[in-house]
Amino acid sequence: MSNSAFQDSFGRSNPHVLRIHEFTRPDIELFAWENLLSDSRYIDFEPTLFNDLVRDIGERAQGVFLWVRLVVKSLRNGIINQDPVTILQERLQATPSDLEEFFEQILASVDAIYRSRMAWTFLVAMRSPRQLKLIHYYFLEQEDPTFGFDKPDEIWSHSEIQRCAMKTERRLNGRFKGLLEATPSVDITAQTEVDFLHRTLSDFLATNRMKDKLQSWASEELNVFTAISMALIAESKFIEENPTFQNYKMAVELASKGAIETGDTTHCFQTQL
C-alpha cells in the first residue's frame, strides 16, 4: 500500500483515526503548568500569557513527554533568571520540535569550559560494560587520574562518602544540563546509579556522527577504559568494606583494554593489584 493510500485509509481523512497526542495533551499541559508554577515566585505572573505558554507547549509537544520535560527544564531556567512570560515564549519558539535537533541545541549550550569533560564523561557512560554509580563519577572527576593510588586502603566515613555523592550529582546536573542524571533522583547515595536522561538520548549519541563529535571534543582526555578501571579500584580502596572479586576482575580487564587502545601499559600494571 502506498503512503498516500495509507493516509486515505487510516490517516487524517479517516474520522475514526486514533491520534494519541490528542489524548495525552491534557496530561502534558498539566505537567507543564504544575512544574512551571512551582517557580512562579520568580516572575511577575501574567495569567493570560502564562495560559498561552502552556497551550503552546501542549500544541508543539505532539505527545512526546521527553520533549516536554526538556522544554520545561529550559523554561524553568528562564524563570529563575526572572524572565517575563513574553521572553519565556520566545525561548519556547526557539526550541526545535525535533528531538535530535533539541539534543544538539542543548549540547551546544553547555559552557565551552565543560565541553571536553562532558564529551569524555558521555563516552565513559556509553562504553562502560555496566551502569556506573555516583561514586565512580566522583573518582572519574578527579584531575589526577591516579587519585588515591599512593594512599593506603582506608574506608572513608559515611558522611564523607555522602558529601562526595551529593557534590557529584550537582556537578553532573549543572555542568551537563541534566542529560546524565542520577536514577532515581531522590535519596541520593554513593551507590545511586547514573544514566542518560532517556534511551532516545543514548541512541542519538551512539550514532557515528555524534560519536565522532564527542571523540573530537574529548581528544585530550584519559582513555575511558583506563579511567573506569581506576575508579573501580578507588571504590574498592575507599568505599567498599568488603570489595568483591568481580570489581577487581573488571578493573583488570578494562585496564587491559585501555592498554590495547593506547599502547600504554603504565596504568594497566598500576591497576592490576
C-alpha atoms as a PDB file:
ATOM      1  CA  MET A   1       0.000   0.000   0.000  1.00  0.00           C
ATOM      2  CA  SER A   2       1.387   3.412  -0.941  1.00  0.00           C
ATOM      3  CA  ASN A   3       1.862   6.096   1.704  1.00  0.00           C
ATOM      4  CA  SER A   4      -0.922   8.241   0.199  1.00  0.00           C
ATOM      5  CA  ALA A   5      -3.302   5.270   0.144  1.00  0.00           C
ATOM      6  CA  PHE A   6      -2.410   4.534   3.762  1.00  0.00           C
ATOM      7  CA  GLN A   7      -3.186   8.141   4.704  1.00  0.00           C
ATOM      8  CA  ASP A   8      -6.506   7.950   2.868  1.00  0.00           C
ATOM      9  CA  SER A   9      -7.495   4.764   4.684  1.00  0.00           C
ATOM     10  CA  PHE A  10      -6.090   5.357   8.158  1.00  0.00           C
ATOM     11  CA  GLY A  11      -4.757   8.896   8.298  1.00  0.00           C
ATOM     12  CA  ARG A  12      -6.088  12.401   8.596  1.00  0.00           C
ATOM     13  CA  SER A  13      -9.064  11.807   6.290  1.00  0.00           C
ATOM     14  CA  ASN A  14     -10.401   8.992   8.489  1.00  0.00           C
ATOM     15  CA  PRO A  15     -12.696  10.436  11.192  1.00  0.00           C
ATOM     16  CA  HIS A  16     -12.152   7.336  13.346  1.00  0.00           C
ATOM     17  CA  VAL A  17      -8.356   7.509  13.406  1.00  0.00           C
ATOM     18  CA  LEU A  18      -6.820   7.460  16.907  1.00  0.00           C
ATOM     19  CA  ARG A  19      -4.480  10.408  17.479  1.00  0.00           C
ATOM     20  CA  ILE A  20      -2.584   9.530  20.659  1.00  0.00           C
ATOM     21  CA  HIS A  21      -1.133  13.017  21.119  1.00  0.00           C
ATOM     22  CA  GLU A  22      -4.651  14.455  21.395  1.00  0.00           C
ATOM     23  CA  PHE A  23      -5.369  12.168  24.349  1.00  0.00           C
ATOM     24  CA  THR A  24      -2.073  12.920  26.099  1.00  0.00           C
ATOM     25  CA  ARG A  25      -2.241  16.679  25.603  1.00  0.00           C
ATOM     26  CA  PRO A  26      -4.239  17.407  28.811  1.00  0.00           C
ATOM     27  CA  ASP A  27      -1.657  15.453  30.850  1.00  0.00           C
ATOM     28  CA  ILE A  28       1.181  17.285  29.109  1.00  0.00           C
ATOM     29  CA  GLU A  29      -0.346  20.686  29.796  1.00  0.00           C
ATOM     30  CA  LEU A  30      -0.998  19.749  33.425  1.00  0.00           C
ATOM     31  CA  PHE A  31       2.638  18.626  33.809  1.00  0.00           C
ATOM     32  CA  ALA A  32       3.899  21.874  32.258  1.00  0.00           C
ATOM     33  CA  TRP A  33       1.532  24.012  34.344  1.00  0.00           C
ATOM     34  CA  GLU A  34       2.445  22.401  37.675  1.00  0.00           C
ATOM     35  CA  ASN A  35       6.197  22.397  37.045  1.00  0.00           C
ATOM     36  CA  LEU A  36       6.345  25.964  35.775  1.00  0.00           C
ATOM     37  CA  LEU A  37       4.099  27.297  38.530  1.00  0.00           C
ATOM     38  CA  SER A  38       6.398  25.789  41.151  1.00  0.00           C
ATOM     39  CA  ASP A  39       8.876  28.558  40.226  1.00  0.00           C
ATOM     40  CA  SER A  40       6.300  31.309  39.649  1.00  0.00           C
ATOM     41  CA  ARG A  41       7.622  33.235  42.671  1.00  0.00           C
ATOM     42  CA  TYR A  42      10.472  34.379  40.443  1.00  0.00           C
ATOM     43  CA  ILE A  43       8.297  36.133  37.868  1.00  0.00           C
ATOM     44  CA  ASP A  44       5.578  38.741  37.577  1.00  0.00           C
ATOM     45  CA  PHE A  45       2.663  36.384  36.983  1.00  0.00           C
ATOM     46  CA  GLU A  46       0.638  37.184  33.864  1.00  0.00           C
ATOM     47  CA  PRO A  47      -2.259  34.659  33.823  1.00  0.00           C
ATOM     48  CA  THR A  48      -3.362  35.075  30.205  1.00  0.00           C
ATOM     49  CA  LEU A  49       0.156  34.917  28.739  1.00  0.00           C
ATOM     50  CA  PHE A  50       1.046  32.020  31.036  1.00  0.00           C
ATOM     51  CA  ASN A  51      -2.010  30.088  29.881  1.00  0.00           C
ATOM     52  CA  ASP A  52      -0.975  30.711  26.272  1.00  0.00           C
ATOM     53  CA  LEU A  53       2.532  29.434  27.042  1.00  0.00           C
ATOM     54  CA  VAL A  54       1.201  26.170  28.467  1.00  0.00           C
ATOM     55  CA  ARG A  55      -1.162  25.710  25.496  1.00  0.00           C
ATOM     56  CA  ASP A  56       1.751  26.283  23.087  1.00  0.00           C
ATOM     57  CA  ILE A  57       3.731  23.571  24.877  1.00  0.00           C
ATOM     58  CA  GLY A  58       0.820  21.136  24.503  1.00  0.00           C
ATOM     59  CA  GLU A  59       0.437  22.020  20.834  1.00  0.00           C
ATOM     60  CA  ARG A  60       4.110  21.614  19.907  1.00  0.00           C
ATOM     61  CA  ALA A  61       4.769  18.510  22.011  1.00  0.00           C
ATOM     62  CA  GLN A  62       2.841  16.143  19.694  1.00  0.00           C
ATOM     63  CA  GLY A  63       2.536  13.753  22.617  1.00  0.00           C
ATOM     64  CA  VAL A  64       6.303  13.460  23.266  1.00  0.00           C
ATOM     65  CA  PHE A  65       6.737  13.728  27.032  1.00  0.00           C
ATOM     66  CA  LEU A  66      10.530  13.752  26.828  1.00  0.00           C
ATOM     67  CA  TRP A  67      10.384  16.896  24.693  1.00  0.00           C
ATOM     68  CA  VAL A  68       8.049  18.471  27.252  1.00  0.00           C
ATOM     69  CA  ARG A  69      10.360  17.564  30.114  1.00  0.00           C
ATOM     70  CA  LEU A  70      13.317  19.189  28.372  1.00  0.00           C
ATOM     71  CA  VAL A  71      11.316  22.280  27.416  1.00  0.00           C
ATOM     72  CA  VAL A  72      10.023  22.735  30.946  1.00  0.00           C
ATOM     73  CA  LYS A  73      13.569  22.466  32.300  1.00  0.00           C
ATOM     74  CA  SER A  74      14.703  25.165  29.870  1.00  0.00           C
ATOM     75  CA  LEU A  75      11.780  27.423  30.748  1.00  0.00           C
ATOM     76  CA  ARG A  76      12.389  26.978  34.465  1.00  0.00           C
ATOM     77  CA  ASN A  77      15.940  28.194  33.938  1.00  0.00           C
ATOM     78  CA  GLY A  78      14.452  31.296  32.344  1.00  0.00           C
ATOM     79  CA  ILE A  79      12.012  31.727  35.231  1.00  0.00           C
ATOM     80  CA  ILE A  80      14.852  31.533  37.757  1.00  0.00           C
ATOM     81  CA  ASN A  81      16.536  34.297  35.729  1.00  0.00           C
ATOM     82  CA  GLN A  82      13.302  36.265  36.327  1.00  0.00           C
ATOM     83  CA  ASP A  83      12.410  36.354  32.634  1.00  0.00           C
ATOM     84  CA  PRO A  84       8.863  37.631  31.986  1.00  0.00           C
ATOM     85  CA  VAL A  85       6.402  35.331  30.229  1.00  0.00           C
ATOM     86  CA  THR A  86       6.989  37.131  26.905  1.00  0.00           C
ATOM     87  CA  ILE A  87      10.653  36.079  26.945  1.00  0.00           C
ATOM     88  CA  LEU A  88       9.683  32.570  28.026  1.00  0.00           C
ATOM     89  CA  GLN A  89       7.505  32.416  24.906  1.00  0.00           C
ATOM     90  CA  GLU A  90      10.493  33.462  22.796  1.00  0.00           C
ATOM     91  CA  ARG A  91      12.549  30.739  24.443  1.00  0.00           C
ATOM     92  CA  LEU A  92       9.843  28.193  23.625  1.00  0.00           C
ATOM     93  CA  GLN A  93       9.604  29.309  19.995  1.00  0.00           C
ATOM     94  CA  ALA A  94      13.395  28.998  19.640  1.00  0.00           C
ATOM     95  CA  THR A  95      13.227  25.372  20.788  1.00  0.00           C
ATOM     96  CA  PRO A  96      13.305  22.799  17.947  1.00  0.00           C
ATOM     97  CA  SER A  97      10.312  20.470  17.789  1.00  0.00           C
ATOM     98  CA  ASP A  98      12.558  17.654  16.569  1.00  0.00           C
ATOM     99  CA  LEU A  99      14.145  15.800  19.495  1.00  0.00           C
ATOM    100  CA  GLU A 100      17.527  15.263  17.855  1.00  0.00           C
ATOM    101  CA  GLU A 101      17.772  18.925  16.926  1.00  0.00           C
ATOM    102  CA  PHE A 102      16.802  19.754  20.500  1.00  0.00           C
ATOM    103  CA  PHE A 103      19.549  17.461  21.848  1.00  0.00           C
ATOM    104  CA  GLU A 104      22.087  19.209  19.625  1.00  0.00           C
ATOM    105  CA  GLN A 105      20.903  22.603  20.843  1.00  0.00           C
ATOM    106  CA  ILE A 106      21.323  21.513  24.467  1.00  0.00           C
ATOM    107  CA  LEU A 107      24.793  20.113  23.816  1.00  0.00           C
ATOM    108  CA  ALA A 108      25.795  23.355  22.101  1.00  0.00           C
ATOM    109  CA  SER A 109      24.557  25.326  25.122  1.00  0.00           C
ATOM    110  CA  VAL A 110      26.964  23.585  27.525  1.00  0.00           C
ATOM    111  CA  ASP A 111      29.653  26.027  28.672  1.00  0.00           C
ATOM    112  CA  ALA A 112      32.733  25.705  26.487  1.00  0.00           C
ATOM    113  CA  ILE A 113      34.899  25.119  29.550  1.00  0.00           C
ATOM    114  CA  TYR A 114      32.917  21.932  30.306  1.00  0.00           C
ATOM    115  CA  ARG A 115      32.592  20.616  26.740  1.00  0.00           C
ATOM    116  CA  SER A 116      35.654  18.376  26.712  1.00  0.00           C
ATOM    117  CA  ARG A 117      34.791  16.888  30.101  1.00  0.00           C
ATOM    118  CA  MET A 118      31.147  16.421  29.076  1.00  0.00           C
ATOM    119  CA  ALA A 119      32.103  14.576  25.894  1.00  0.00           C
ATOM    120  CA  TRP A 120      34.529  12.323  27.721  1.00  0.00           C
ATOM    121  CA  THR A 121      32.039  11.607  30.508  1.00  0.00           C
ATOM    122  CA  PHE A 122      29.362  10.691  27.969  1.00  0.00           C
ATOM    123  CA  LEU A 123      31.804   8.333  26.227  1.00  0.00           C
ATOM    124  CA  VAL A 124      32.563   6.723  29.593  1.00  0.00           C
ATOM    125  CA  ALA A 125      28.836   6.176  30.220  1.00  0.00           C
ATOM    126  CA  MET A 126      28.343   4.745  26.724  1.00  0.00           C
ATOM    127  CA  ARG A 127      31.350   2.397  26.766  1.00  0.00           C
ATOM    128  CA  SER A 128      31.164   1.139  30.331  1.00  0.00           C
ATOM    129  CA  PRO A 129      30.229  -2.569  30.454  1.00  0.00           C
ATOM    130  CA  ARG A 130      27.845  -1.839  33.317  1.00  0.00           C
ATOM    131  CA  GLN A 131      25.971   1.153  34.677  1.00  0.00           C
ATOM    132  CA  LEU A 132      28.268   3.251  36.831  1.00  0.00           C
ATOM    133  CA  LYS A 133      27.411   4.799  40.201  1.00  0.00           C
ATOM    134  CA  LEU A 134      27.781   8.326  41.519  1.00  0.00           C
ATOM    135  CA  ILE A 135      30.911   7.416  43.462  1.00  0.00           C
ATOM    136  CA  HIS A 136      32.541   6.180  40.247  1.00  0.00           C
ATOM    137  CA  TYR A 137      31.873   9.544  38.614  1.00  0.00           C
ATOM    138  CA  TYR A 138      33.357  11.245  41.667  1.00  0.00           C
ATOM    139  CA  PHE A 139      36.629   9.406  41.103  1.00  0.00           C
ATOM    140  CA  LEU A 140      36.408   9.991  37.346  1.00  0.00           C
ATOM    141  CA  GLU A 141      36.140  13.734  38.069  1.00  0.00           C
ATOM    142  CA  GLN A 142      39.492  13.900  39.831  1.00  0.00           C
ATOM    143  CA  GLU A 143      42.116  15.926  37.965  1.00  0.00           C
ATOM    144  CA  ASP A 144      44.820  13.454  38.926  1.00  0.00           C
ATOM    145  CA  PRO A 145      43.964  10.172  37.151  1.00  0.00           C
ATOM    146  CA  THR A 146      45.996   8.248  39.760  1.00  0.00           C
ATOM    147  CA  PHE A 147      43.977   9.818  42.576  1.00  0.00           C
ATOM    148  CA  GLY A 148      44.436   7.898  45.810  1.00  0.00           C
ATOM    149  CA  PHE A 149      46.802   5.255  44.482  1.00  0.00           C
ATOM    150  CA  ASP A 150      49.632   6.499  46.692  1.00  0.00           C
ATOM    151  CA  LYS A 151      47.414   6.286  49.790  1.00  0.00           C
ATOM    152  CA  PRO A 152      46.841   3.219  51.968  1.00  0.00           C
ATOM    153  CA  ASP A 153      43.487   1.449  51.868  1.00  0.00           C
ATOM    154  CA  GLU A 154      41.170   3.192  54.315  1.00  0.00           C
ATOM    155  CA  ILE A 155      37.382   3.235  54.212  1.00  0.00           C
ATOM    156  CA  TRP A 156      36.016   6.780  54.260  1.00  0.00           C
ATOM    157  CA  SER A 157      33.379   7.827  56.767  1.00  0.00           C
ATOM    158  CA  HIS A 158      29.729   7.676  55.743  1.00  0.00           C
ATOM    159  CA  SER A 159      29.452  11.479  55.902  1.00  0.00           C
ATOM    160  CA  GLU A 160      32.454  11.949  53.629  1.00  0.00           C
ATOM    161  CA  ILE A 161      31.137   9.414  51.117  1.00  0.00           C
ATOM    162  CA  GLN A 162      27.721  11.085  51.132  1.00  0.00           C
ATOM    163  CA  ARG A 163      29.305  14.508  50.641  1.00  0.00           C
ATOM    164  CA  CYS A 164      31.179  13.225  47.581  1.00  0.00           C
ATOM    165  CA  ALA A 165      27.991  11.694  46.149  1.00  0.00           C
ATOM    166  CA  MET A 166      25.957  14.889  46.565  1.00  0.00           C
ATOM    167  CA  LYS A 167      28.721  17.026  45.087  1.00  0.00           C
ATOM    168  CA  THR A 168      28.980  14.724  42.067  1.00  0.00           C
ATOM    169  CA  GLU A 169      25.210  14.719  41.492  1.00  0.00           C
ATOM    170  CA  ARG A 170      25.164  18.532  41.475  1.00  0.00           C
ATOM    171  CA  ARG A 171      28.116  18.686  39.099  1.00  0.00           C
ATOM    172  CA  LEU A 172      26.620  16.245  36.604  1.00  0.00           C
ATOM    173  CA  ASN A 173      23.307  18.062  36.596  1.00  0.00           C
ATOM    174  CA  GLY A 174      24.736  21.572  36.481  1.00  0.00           C
ATOM    175  CA  ARG A 175      27.555  21.103  34.001  1.00  0.00           C
ATOM    176  CA  PHE A 176      25.838  18.772  31.563  1.00  0.00           C
ATOM    177  CA  LYS A 177      22.300  20.224  31.567  1.00  0.00           C
ATOM    178  CA  GLY A 178      20.794  17.173  33.288  1.00  0.00           C
ATOM    179  CA  LEU A 179      21.447  14.917  30.274  1.00  0.00           C
ATOM    180  CA  LEU A 180      23.284  12.459  32.528  1.00  0.00           C
ATOM    181  CA  GLU A 181      21.422  12.022  35.779  1.00  0.00           C
ATOM    182  CA  ALA A 182      21.205  10.049  38.983  1.00  0.00           C
ATOM    183  CA  THR A 183      18.421   7.449  38.871  1.00  0.00           C
ATOM    184  CA  PRO A 184      16.258   7.850  40.826  1.00  0.00           C
ATOM    185  CA  SER A 185      16.873  11.488  41.618  1.00  0.00           C
ATOM    186  CA  VAL A 186      15.740  11.195  45.276  1.00  0.00           C
ATOM    187  CA  ASP A 187      17.615   9.687  48.232  1.00  0.00           C
ATOM    188  CA  ILE A 188      20.982  10.248  46.592  1.00  0.00           C
ATOM    189  CA  THR A 189      23.788   7.988  47.857  1.00  0.00           C
ATOM    190  CA  ALA A 190      27.185   6.901  46.599  1.00  0.00           C
ATOM    191  CA  GLN A 191      25.541   3.732  45.276  1.00  0.00           C
ATOM    192  CA  THR A 192      22.953   5.622  43.207  1.00  0.00           C
ATOM    193  CA  GLU A 193      23.334   4.642  39.565  1.00  0.00           C
ATOM    194  CA  VAL A 194      23.791   7.214  36.826  1.00  0.00           C
ATOM    195  CA  ASP A 195      22.257   7.012  33.372  1.00  0.00           C
ATOM    196  CA  PHE A 196      21.303   9.158  30.420  1.00  0.00           C
ATOM    197  CA  LEU A 197      18.109  11.161  30.689  1.00  0.00           C
ATOM    198  CA  HIS A 198      16.381   8.817  28.229  1.00  0.00           C
ATOM    199  CA  ARG A 199      17.174   5.909  25.931  1.00  0.00           C
ATOM    200  CA  THR A 200      16.438   8.200  22.979  1.00  0.00           C
ATOM    201  CA  LEU A 201      19.374  10.386  24.018  1.00  0.00           C
ATOM    202  CA  SER A 202      21.822   7.495  24.354  1.00  0.00           C
ATOM    203  CA  ASP A 203      20.737   6.160  20.945  1.00  0.00           C
ATOM    204  CA  PHE A 204      21.323   9.617  19.449  1.00  0.00           C
ATOM    205  CA  LEU A 205      24.799   9.873  20.993  1.00  0.00           C
ATOM    206  CA  ALA A 206      25.613   6.368  19.735  1.00  0.00           C
ATOM    207  CA  THR A 207      25.236   7.392  16.078  1.00  0.00           C
ATOM    208  CA  ASN A 208      28.533   7.513  14.187  1.00  0.00           C
ATOM    209  CA  ARG A 209      28.246  11.252  13.629  1.00  0.00           C
ATOM    210  CA  MET A 210      27.772  12.020  17.320  1.00  0.00           C
ATOM    211  CA  LYS A 211      30.393   9.536  18.499  1.00  0.00           C
ATOM    212  CA  ASP A 212      32.922  11.207  16.200  1.00  0.00           C
ATOM    213  CA  LYS A 213      31.913  14.633  17.515  1.00  0.00           C
ATOM    214  CA  LEU A 214      32.210  13.538  21.145  1.00  0.00           C
ATOM    215  CA  GLN A 215      35.576  11.934  20.444  1.00  0.00           C
ATOM    216  CA  SER A 216      36.876  15.109  18.815  1.00  0.00           C
ATOM    217  CA  TRP A 217      35.777  17.177  21.822  1.00  0.00           C
ATOM    218  CA  ALA A 218      37.327  14.698  24.266  1.00  0.00           C
ATOM    219  CA  SER A 219      40.566  14.077  22.366  1.00  0.00           C
ATOM    220  CA  GLU A 220      42.853  15.149  25.222  1.00  0.00           C
ATOM    221  CA  GLU A 221      41.192  13.150  27.974  1.00  0.00           C
ATOM    222  CA  LEU A 222      42.354   9.881  29.521  1.00  0.00           C
ATOM    223  CA  ASN A 223      41.309   6.617  27.848  1.00  0.00           C
ATOM    224  CA  VAL A 224      37.805   5.740  29.073  1.00  0.00           C
ATOM    225  CA  PHE A 225      38.576   2.089  29.911  1.00  0.00           C
ATOM    226  CA  THR A 226      41.668   3.075  31.872  1.00  0.00           C
ATOM    227  CA  ALA A 227      39.699   5.706  33.775  1.00  0.00           C
ATOM    228  CA  ILE A 228      36.832   3.330  34.682  1.00  0.00           C
ATOM    229  CA  SER A 229      39.388   0.771  35.843  1.00  0.00           C
ATOM    230  CA  MET A 230      40.953   3.318  38.197  1.00  0.00           C
ATOM    231  CA  ALA A 231      37.553   4.383  39.518  1.00  0.00           C
ATOM    232  CA  LEU A 232      36.698   0.768  40.357  1.00  0.00           C
ATOM    233  CA  ILE A 233      39.987   0.315  42.189  1.00  0.00           C
ATOM    234  CA  ALA A 234      39.468   3.566  44.123  1.00  0.00           C
ATOM    235  CA  GLU A 235      35.993   2.358  45.103  1.00  0.00           C
ATOM    236  CA  SER A 236      37.472  -0.872  46.430  1.00  0.00           C
ATOM    237  CA  LYS A 237      40.108   1.037  48.441  1.00  0.00           C
ATOM    238  CA  PHE A 238      38.000   3.791  49.983  1.00  0.00           C
ATOM    239  CA  ILE A 239      34.298   2.896  49.753  1.00  0.00           C
ATOM    240  CA  GLU A 240      33.686  -0.855  49.949  1.00  0.00           C
ATOM    241  CA  GLU A 241      34.328  -2.537  53.281  1.00  0.00           C
ATOM    242  CA  ASN A 242      34.272  -5.920  51.571  1.00  0.00           C
ATOM    243  CA  PRO A 243      35.462  -5.434  47.975  1.00  0.00           C
ATOM    244  CA  THR A 244      34.179  -8.039  45.548  1.00  0.00           C
ATOM    245  CA  PHE A 245      36.342 -10.121  43.269  1.00  0.00           C
ATOM    246  CA  GLN A 246      34.143  -9.026  40.352  1.00  0.00           C
ATOM    247  CA  ASN A 247      35.175  -5.406  40.842  1.00  0.00           C
ATOM    248  CA  TYR A 248      38.875  -6.266  40.700  1.00  0.00           C
ATOM    249  CA  LYS A 249      38.340  -8.587  37.746  1.00  0.00           C
ATOM    250  CA  MET A 250      36.521  -5.893  35.769  1.00  0.00           C
ATOM    251  CA  ALA A 251      39.160  -3.313  36.704  1.00  0.00           C
ATOM    252  CA  VAL A 252      41.949  -5.505  35.353  1.00  0.00           C
ATOM    253  CA  GLU A 253      40.008  -6.340  32.167  1.00  0.00           C
ATOM    254  CA  LEU A 254      39.298  -2.672  31.495  1.00  0.00           C
ATOM    255  CA  ALA A 255      42.877  -1.660  32.214  1.00  0.00           C
ATOM    256  CA  SER A 256      43.970  -4.225  29.635  1.00  0.00           C
ATOM    257  CA  LYS A 257      41.508  -2.832  27.082  1.00  0.00           C
ATOM    258  CA  GLY A 258      42.818   0.647  27.748  1.00  0.00           C
ATOM    259  CA  ALA A 259      46.385  -0.538  27.227  1.00  0.00           C
ATOM    260  CA  ILE A 260      45.444  -2.169  23.916  1.00  0.00           C
ATOM    261  CA  GLU A 261      43.729   1.005  22.689  1.00  0.00           C
ATOM    262  CA  THR A 262      46.528   3.362  23.702  1.00  0.00           C
ATOM    263  CA  GLY A 263      49.610   1.145  23.573  1.00  0.00           C
ATOM    264  CA  ASP A 264      50.446   2.415  27.075  1.00  0.00           C
ATOM    265  CA  THR A 265      50.750  -0.289  29.755  1.00  0.00           C
ATOM    266  CA  THR A 266      51.646   2.095  32.597  1.00  0.00           C
ATOM    267  CA  HIS A 267      48.158   2.333  34.034  1.00  0.00           C
ATOM    268  CA  CYS A 268      47.415  -1.275  33.202  1.00  0.00           C
ATOM    269  CA  PHE A 269      50.135  -2.552  35.515  1.00  0.00           C
ATOM    270  CA  GLN A 270      49.344   0.045  38.120  1.00  0.00           C
ATOM    271  CA  THR A 271      45.748  -1.128  38.475  1.00  0.00           C
ATOM    272  CA  GLN A 272      46.478  -4.832  38.493  1.00  0.00           C
ATOM    273  CA  LEU A 273      46.658  -5.062  42.296  1.00  0.00           C
END
